[in-house]
C-alpha atoms as a PDB file:
ATOM      1  CA  UNK A   1     100.236  61.013 111.731  1.00  0.00           C
ATOM      2  CA  UNK A   2      97.457  59.603 109.610  1.00  0.00           C
ATOM      3  CA  UNK A   3      96.450  60.618 106.049  1.00  0.00           C
ATOM      4  CA  UNK A   4      93.933  63.176 108.134  1.00  0.00           C
ATOM      5  CA  UNK A   5      97.051  65.041 110.040  1.00  0.00           C
ATOM      6  CA  UNK A   6      97.385  68.026 108.155  1.00  0.00           C
ATOM      7  CA  UNK A   7      93.530  68.650 107.812  1.00  0.00           C
ATOM      8  CA  UNK A   8      93.633  68.153 111.922  1.00  0.00           C
ATOM      9  CA  UNK A   9      96.207  70.749 112.328  1.00  0.00           C
ATOM     10  CA  UNK A  10      94.310  73.761 109.853  1.00  0.00           C
ATOM     11  CA  UNK A  11      91.263  72.780 112.102  1.00  0.00           C
ATOM     12  CA  UNK A  12      93.792  73.632 114.856  1.00  0.00           C
ATOM     13  CA  UNK A  13      95.042  76.543 113.024  1.00  0.00           C
ATOM     14  CA  UNK A  14      91.678  77.585 112.771  1.00  0.00           C
ATOM     15  CA  UNK A  15      90.407  77.275 116.445  1.00  0.00           C
ATOM     16  CA  UNK A  16      93.600  78.973 117.335  1.00  0.00           C
ATOM     17  CA  UNK A  17      92.984  81.746 115.190  1.00  0.00           C
ATOM     18  CA  UNK A  18      95.687  82.065 114.177  1.00  0.00           C
ATOM     19  CA  UNK A  19      97.035  82.834 111.744  1.00  0.00           C
ATOM     20  CA  UNK A  20      97.541  82.558 109.653  1.00  0.00           C
ATOM     21  CA  UNK A  21      96.372  83.510 108.416  1.00  0.00           C
ATOM     22  CA  UNK A  22      99.257  86.088 103.926  1.00  0.00           C
ATOM     23  CA  UNK A  23     100.351  88.008 100.330  1.00  0.00           C
ATOM     24  CA  UNK A  24     103.259  89.172  99.088  1.00  0.00           C
ATOM     25  CA  UNK A  25     103.810  92.438  96.678  1.00  0.00           C
ATOM     26  CA  UNK A  26     104.553  89.467  94.210  1.00  0.00           C
ATOM     27  CA  UNK A  27     101.787  87.938  94.789  1.00  0.00           C
ATOM     28  CA  UNK A  28      99.698  90.929  93.936  1.00  0.00           C
ATOM     29  CA  UNK A  29     101.398  92.317  91.119  1.00  0.00           C
ATOM     30  CA  UNK A  30     102.149  95.490  92.108  1.00  0.00           C
ATOM     31  CA  UNK A  31     104.057  97.482  94.651  1.00  0.00           C
ATOM     32  CA  UNK A  32     100.916  98.655  96.859  1.00  0.00           C
ATOM     33  CA  UNK A  33     102.134  95.983 100.318  1.00  0.00           C
ATOM     34  CA  UNK A  34     105.437  97.138  99.833  1.00  0.00           C
ATOM     35  CA  UNK A  35     104.399 101.045  99.996  1.00  0.00           C
ATOM     36  CA  UNK A  36     102.225 100.220 103.074  1.00  0.00           C
ATOM     37  CA  UNK A  37     104.381  98.233 104.778  1.00  0.00           C
ATOM     38  CA  UNK A  38     107.214 102.022 103.953  1.00  0.00           C
ATOM     39  CA  UNK A  39     104.588 103.642 105.108  1.00  0.00           C
ATOM     40  CA  UNK A  40     103.441 101.819 107.972  1.00  0.00           C
ATOM     41  CA  UNK A  41     107.116 101.527 109.196  1.00  0.00           C
ATOM     42  CA  UNK A  42     107.690 105.351 108.949  1.00  0.00           C
ATOM     43  CA  UNK A  43     105.358 105.519 111.628  1.00  0.00           C
ATOM     44  CA  UNK A  44     102.120 106.280 108.984  1.00  0.00           C
ATOM     45  CA  UNK A  45      98.698 105.140 108.958  1.00  0.00           C
ATOM     46  CA  UNK A  46      98.817 101.552 106.840  1.00  0.00           C
ATOM     47  CA  UNK A  47      96.772 101.835 103.523  1.00  0.00           C
ATOM     48  CA  UNK A  48      93.132 101.138 103.987  1.00  0.00           C
ATOM     49  CA  UNK A  49      92.785  98.942 100.897  1.00  0.00           C
ATOM     50  CA  UNK A  50      92.818  95.173  99.686  1.00  0.00           C
ATOM     51  CA  UNK A  51      96.615  95.576  99.538  1.00  0.00           C
ATOM     52  CA  UNK A  52      97.092  96.849 102.573  1.00  0.00           C
ATOM     53  CA  UNK A  53      95.215  94.268 104.142  1.00  0.00           C
ATOM     54  CA  UNK A  54      96.730  91.434 102.589  1.00  0.00           C
ATOM     55  CA  UNK A  55     100.262  92.603 103.383  1.00  0.00           C
ATOM     56  CA  UNK A  56      99.525  92.928 107.379  1.00  0.00           C
ATOM     57  CA  UNK A  57      98.033  89.010 106.507  1.00  0.00           C
ATOM     58  CA  UNK A  58     100.870  88.121 105.475  1.00  0.00           C
ATOM     59  CA  UNK A  59     102.982  89.452 107.823  1.00  0.00           C
ATOM     60  CA  UNK A  60     100.757  87.710 110.448  1.00  0.00           C
ATOM     61  CA  UNK A  61     101.060  84.769 108.775  1.00  0.00           C
ATOM     62  CA  UNK A  62     104.707  84.958 108.612  1.00  0.00           C
ATOM     63  CA  UNK A  63     105.451  85.356 112.063  1.00  0.00           C
ATOM     64  CA  UNK A  64     103.426  82.598 113.181  1.00  0.00           C
ATOM     65  CA  UNK A  65     104.982  79.504 110.723  1.00  0.00           C
ATOM     66  CA  UNK A  66     108.123  81.257 111.827  1.00  0.00           C
ATOM     67  CA  UNK A  67     107.568  80.848 115.552  1.00  0.00           C
ATOM     68  CA  UNK A  68     107.349  83.996 116.495  1.00  0.00           C
ATOM     69  CA  UNK A  69     104.066  84.062 118.086  1.00  0.00           C
ATOM     70  CA  UNK A  70     104.435  87.201 120.485  1.00  0.00           C
ATOM     71  CA  UNK A  71     104.823  89.060 117.600  1.00  0.00           C
ATOM     72  CA  UNK A  72     101.865  87.843 115.657  1.00  0.00           C
ATOM     73  CA  UNK A  73     100.087  88.101 118.734  1.00  0.00           C
ATOM     74  CA  UNK A  74     100.795  91.716 118.467  1.00  0.00           C
ATOM     75  CA  UNK A  75      99.229  91.935 114.545  1.00  0.00           C
ATOM     76  CA  UNK A  76      95.537  90.925 116.768  1.00  0.00           C
ATOM     77  CA  UNK A  77      92.425  93.453 117.102  1.00  0.00           C
ATOM     78  CA  UNK A  78      91.546  94.277 120.548  1.00  0.00           C
ATOM     79  CA  UNK A  79      89.320  91.944 121.172  1.00  0.00           C
ATOM     80  CA  UNK A  80      91.831  88.684 119.782  1.00  0.00           C
ATOM     81  CA  UNK A  81      94.036  90.277 122.664  1.00  0.00           C
ATOM     82  CA  UNK A  82      91.845  90.584 125.535  1.00  0.00           C
ATOM     83  CA  UNK A  83      90.801  87.266 125.076  1.00  0.00           C
ATOM     84  CA  UNK A  84      94.515  85.546 125.760  1.00  0.00           C
ATOM     85  CA  UNK A  85      97.546  87.332 126.829  1.00  0.00           C
ATOM     86  CA  UNK A  86     100.817  87.447 124.868  1.00  0.00           C
ATOM     87  CA  UNK A  87     102.294  84.966 127.597  1.00  0.00           C
ATOM     88  CA  UNK A  88      99.363  82.982 127.193  1.00  0.00           C
ATOM     89  CA  UNK A  89      99.216  82.712 123.399  1.00  0.00           C
ATOM     90  CA  UNK A  90     102.999  82.264 122.995  1.00  0.00           C
ATOM     91  CA  UNK A  91     102.742  79.110 125.529  1.00  0.00           C
ATOM     92  CA  UNK A  92      99.776  77.611 123.715  1.00  0.00           C
ATOM     93  CA  UNK A  93     101.220  77.734 120.228  1.00  0.00           C
ATOM     94  CA  UNK A  94     104.625  76.598 120.997  1.00  0.00           C
ATOM     95  CA  UNK A  95     102.724  73.857 122.729  1.00  0.00           C
ATOM     96  CA  UNK A  96     100.374  72.727 120.122  1.00  0.00           C
ATOM     97  CA  UNK A  97     101.799  74.671 116.970  1.00  0.00           C
ATOM     98  CA  UNK A  98     104.191  73.095 113.994  1.00  0.00           C
ATOM     99  CA  UNK A  99     106.101  76.244 113.065  1.00  0.00           C
ATOM    100  CA  UNK A 100     108.102  75.986 109.905  1.00  0.00           C
ATOM    101  CA  UNK A 101     104.931  75.424 107.651  1.00  0.00           C
ATOM    102  CA  UNK A 102     104.410  78.289 105.056  1.00  0.00           C
ATOM    103  CA  UNK A 103     100.870  80.035 105.164  1.00  0.00           C
ATOM    104  CA  UNK A 104     100.717  81.240 101.890  1.00  0.00           C
ATOM    105  CA  UNK A 105      97.613  83.765 100.702  1.00  0.00           C
ATOM    106  CA  UNK A 106      95.684  82.570  97.903  1.00  0.00           C
ATOM    107  CA  UNK A 107      93.059  84.876  97.850  1.00  0.00           C
ATOM    108  CA  UNK A 108      91.335  88.334  99.586  1.00  0.00           C
ATOM    109  CA  UNK A 109      87.971  91.189  99.275  1.00  0.00           C
ATOM    110  CA  UNK A 110      87.042  93.678 101.024  1.00  0.00           C
ATOM    111  CA  UNK A 111      84.008  93.216 103.215  1.00  0.00           C
ATOM    112  CA  UNK A 112      82.756  96.841 103.181  1.00  0.00           C
ATOM    113  CA  UNK A 113      85.429  99.395 103.744  1.00  0.00           C
ATOM    114  CA  UNK A 114      87.267  98.256 107.321  1.00  0.00           C
ATOM    115  CA  UNK A 115      87.311  94.644 106.940  1.00  0.00           C
ATOM    116  CA  UNK A 116      89.002  91.930 104.267  1.00  0.00           C
ATOM    117  CA  UNK A 117      88.479  88.185 104.104  1.00  0.00           C
ATOM    118  CA  UNK A 118      91.415  86.781 103.013  1.00  0.00           C
ATOM    119  CA  UNK A 119      92.182  83.126 102.153  1.00  0.00           C
ATOM    120  CA  UNK A 120      95.057  81.646 103.341  1.00  0.00           C
ATOM    121  CA  UNK A 121      96.673  77.742 102.549  1.00  0.00           C
ATOM    122  CA  UNK A 122      98.914  75.595 104.219  1.00  0.00           C
ATOM    123  CA  UNK A 123      99.630  72.501 102.875  1.00  0.00           C
ATOM    124  CA  UNK A 124      96.756  71.502 100.942  1.00  0.00           C
ATOM    125  CA  UNK A 125      94.100  73.382 103.248  1.00  0.00           C
ATOM    126  CA  UNK A 126      92.919  76.498 103.289  1.00  0.00           C
ATOM    127  CA  UNK A 127      90.855  78.889 105.857  1.00  0.00           C
ATOM    128  CA  UNK A 128      89.521  82.163 105.387  1.00  0.00           C
ATOM    129  CA  UNK A 129      90.069  84.850 108.046  1.00  0.00           C
ATOM    130  CA  UNK A 130      89.389  88.559 108.751  1.00  0.00           C
ATOM    131  CA  UNK A 131      91.153  91.485 108.717  1.00  0.00           C
ATOM    132  CA  UNK A 132      89.772  94.125 110.833  1.00  0.00           C
ATOM    133  CA  UNK A 133      90.819  97.837 110.252  1.00  0.00           C
ATOM    134  CA  UNK A 134      91.807  98.931 113.881  1.00  0.00           C
ATOM    135  CA  UNK A 135      93.198 102.167 114.780  1.00  0.00           C
ATOM    136  CA  UNK A 136      95.246 103.053 111.585  1.00  0.00           C
ATOM    137  CA  UNK A 137      96.466  99.475 110.764  1.00  0.00           C
ATOM    138  CA  UNK A 138      94.730  96.085 109.929  1.00  0.00           C
ATOM    139  CA  UNK A 139      94.620  93.743 112.587  1.00  0.00           C
ATOM    140  CA  UNK A 140      94.169  89.780 112.367  1.00  0.00           C
ATOM    141  CA  UNK A 141      90.330  89.366 113.899  1.00  0.00           C
ATOM    142  CA  UNK A 142      90.368  86.023 115.474  1.00  0.00           C
ATOM    143  CA  UNK A 143      87.207  83.281 114.916  1.00  0.00           C
ATOM    144  CA  UNK A 144      84.587  82.996 117.337  1.00  0.00           C
ATOM    145  CA  UNK A 145      86.205  79.543 117.657  1.00  0.00           C
ATOM    146  CA  UNK A 146      89.301  81.005 118.472  1.00  0.00           C
ATOM    147  CA  UNK A 147      87.663  83.397 120.978  1.00  0.00           C
ATOM    148  CA  UNK A 148      86.306  80.636 122.810  1.00  0.00           C
ATOM    149  CA  UNK A 149      89.592  78.791 122.958  1.00  0.00           C
ATOM    150  CA  UNK A 150      91.768  81.808 123.671  1.00  0.00           C
ATOM    151  CA  UNK A 151      89.372  82.500 126.753  1.00  0.00           C
ATOM    152  CA  UNK A 152      90.129  79.075 128.482  1.00  0.00           C
ATOM    153  CA  UNK A 153      94.070  79.930 129.204  1.00  0.00           C
ATOM    154  CA  UNK A 154      96.526  77.969 127.782  1.00  0.00           C
ATOM    155  CA  UNK A 155      96.657  75.230 130.906  1.00  0.00           C
ATOM    156  CA  UNK A 156      92.745  74.075 128.808  1.00  0.00           C
ATOM    157  CA  UNK A 157      93.009  75.563 125.374  1.00  0.00           C
ATOM    158  CA  UNK A 158      96.134  73.056 124.867  1.00  0.00           C
ATOM    159  CA  UNK A 159      94.585  70.322 126.714  1.00  0.00           C
ATOM    160  CA  UNK A 160      91.220  70.840 124.584  1.00  0.00           C
ATOM    161  CA  UNK A 161      93.832  70.955 121.845  1.00  0.00           C
ATOM    162  CA  UNK A 162      95.168  67.351 122.719  1.00  0.00           C
ATOM    163  CA  UNK A 163      92.316  66.204 123.444  1.00  0.00           C
ATOM    164  CA  UNK A 164      90.386  67.542 119.386  1.00  0.00           C
ATOM    165  CA  UNK A 165      93.677  65.872 118.604  1.00  0.00           C
ATOM    166  CA  UNK A 166      93.961  69.471 116.788  1.00  0.00           C
ATOM    167  CA  UNK A 167      97.791  69.859 119.047  1.00  0.00           C
ATOM    168  CA  UNK A 168     100.403  69.124 116.758  1.00  0.00           C
ATOM    169  CA  UNK A 169     103.054  68.384 119.415  1.00  0.00           C
ATOM    170  CA  UNK A 170     100.479  65.612 120.525  1.00  0.00           C
END
């Protein structure tokens, strides 16, 4: 590994549009995310608020960094799920993602009424992600680069990440 490895890794995460893509109630200073999670668990709609978006983003990031790639895929937008099957998403991330490095949400803002932009940090690099309110829940919206990568399928996406030096298990 060279000194630029953490930056290459974050670029790979951005390409994979993962997560990555988080915030807990402790980060916001109130109980809104916990209340939103309780509402979602009870089968009700997630709150259409910045706190709801931050709680959903943190869940995606936690699943991803914990190695629950299938669970992270479940929290993608419909467009993200159409770009890559769950099986291919899991294969791609098992091959190229580094598990165990926490992804922390550092800030967030609303972008209209149905989107939020969250800034997540892993190691020393930060990346922005978009959360979209879709079907009564906040979902991670893959970046255009991630969608392009996903549409390749797992085998070609893994090869592309290895060639670019962004596959953690290179």
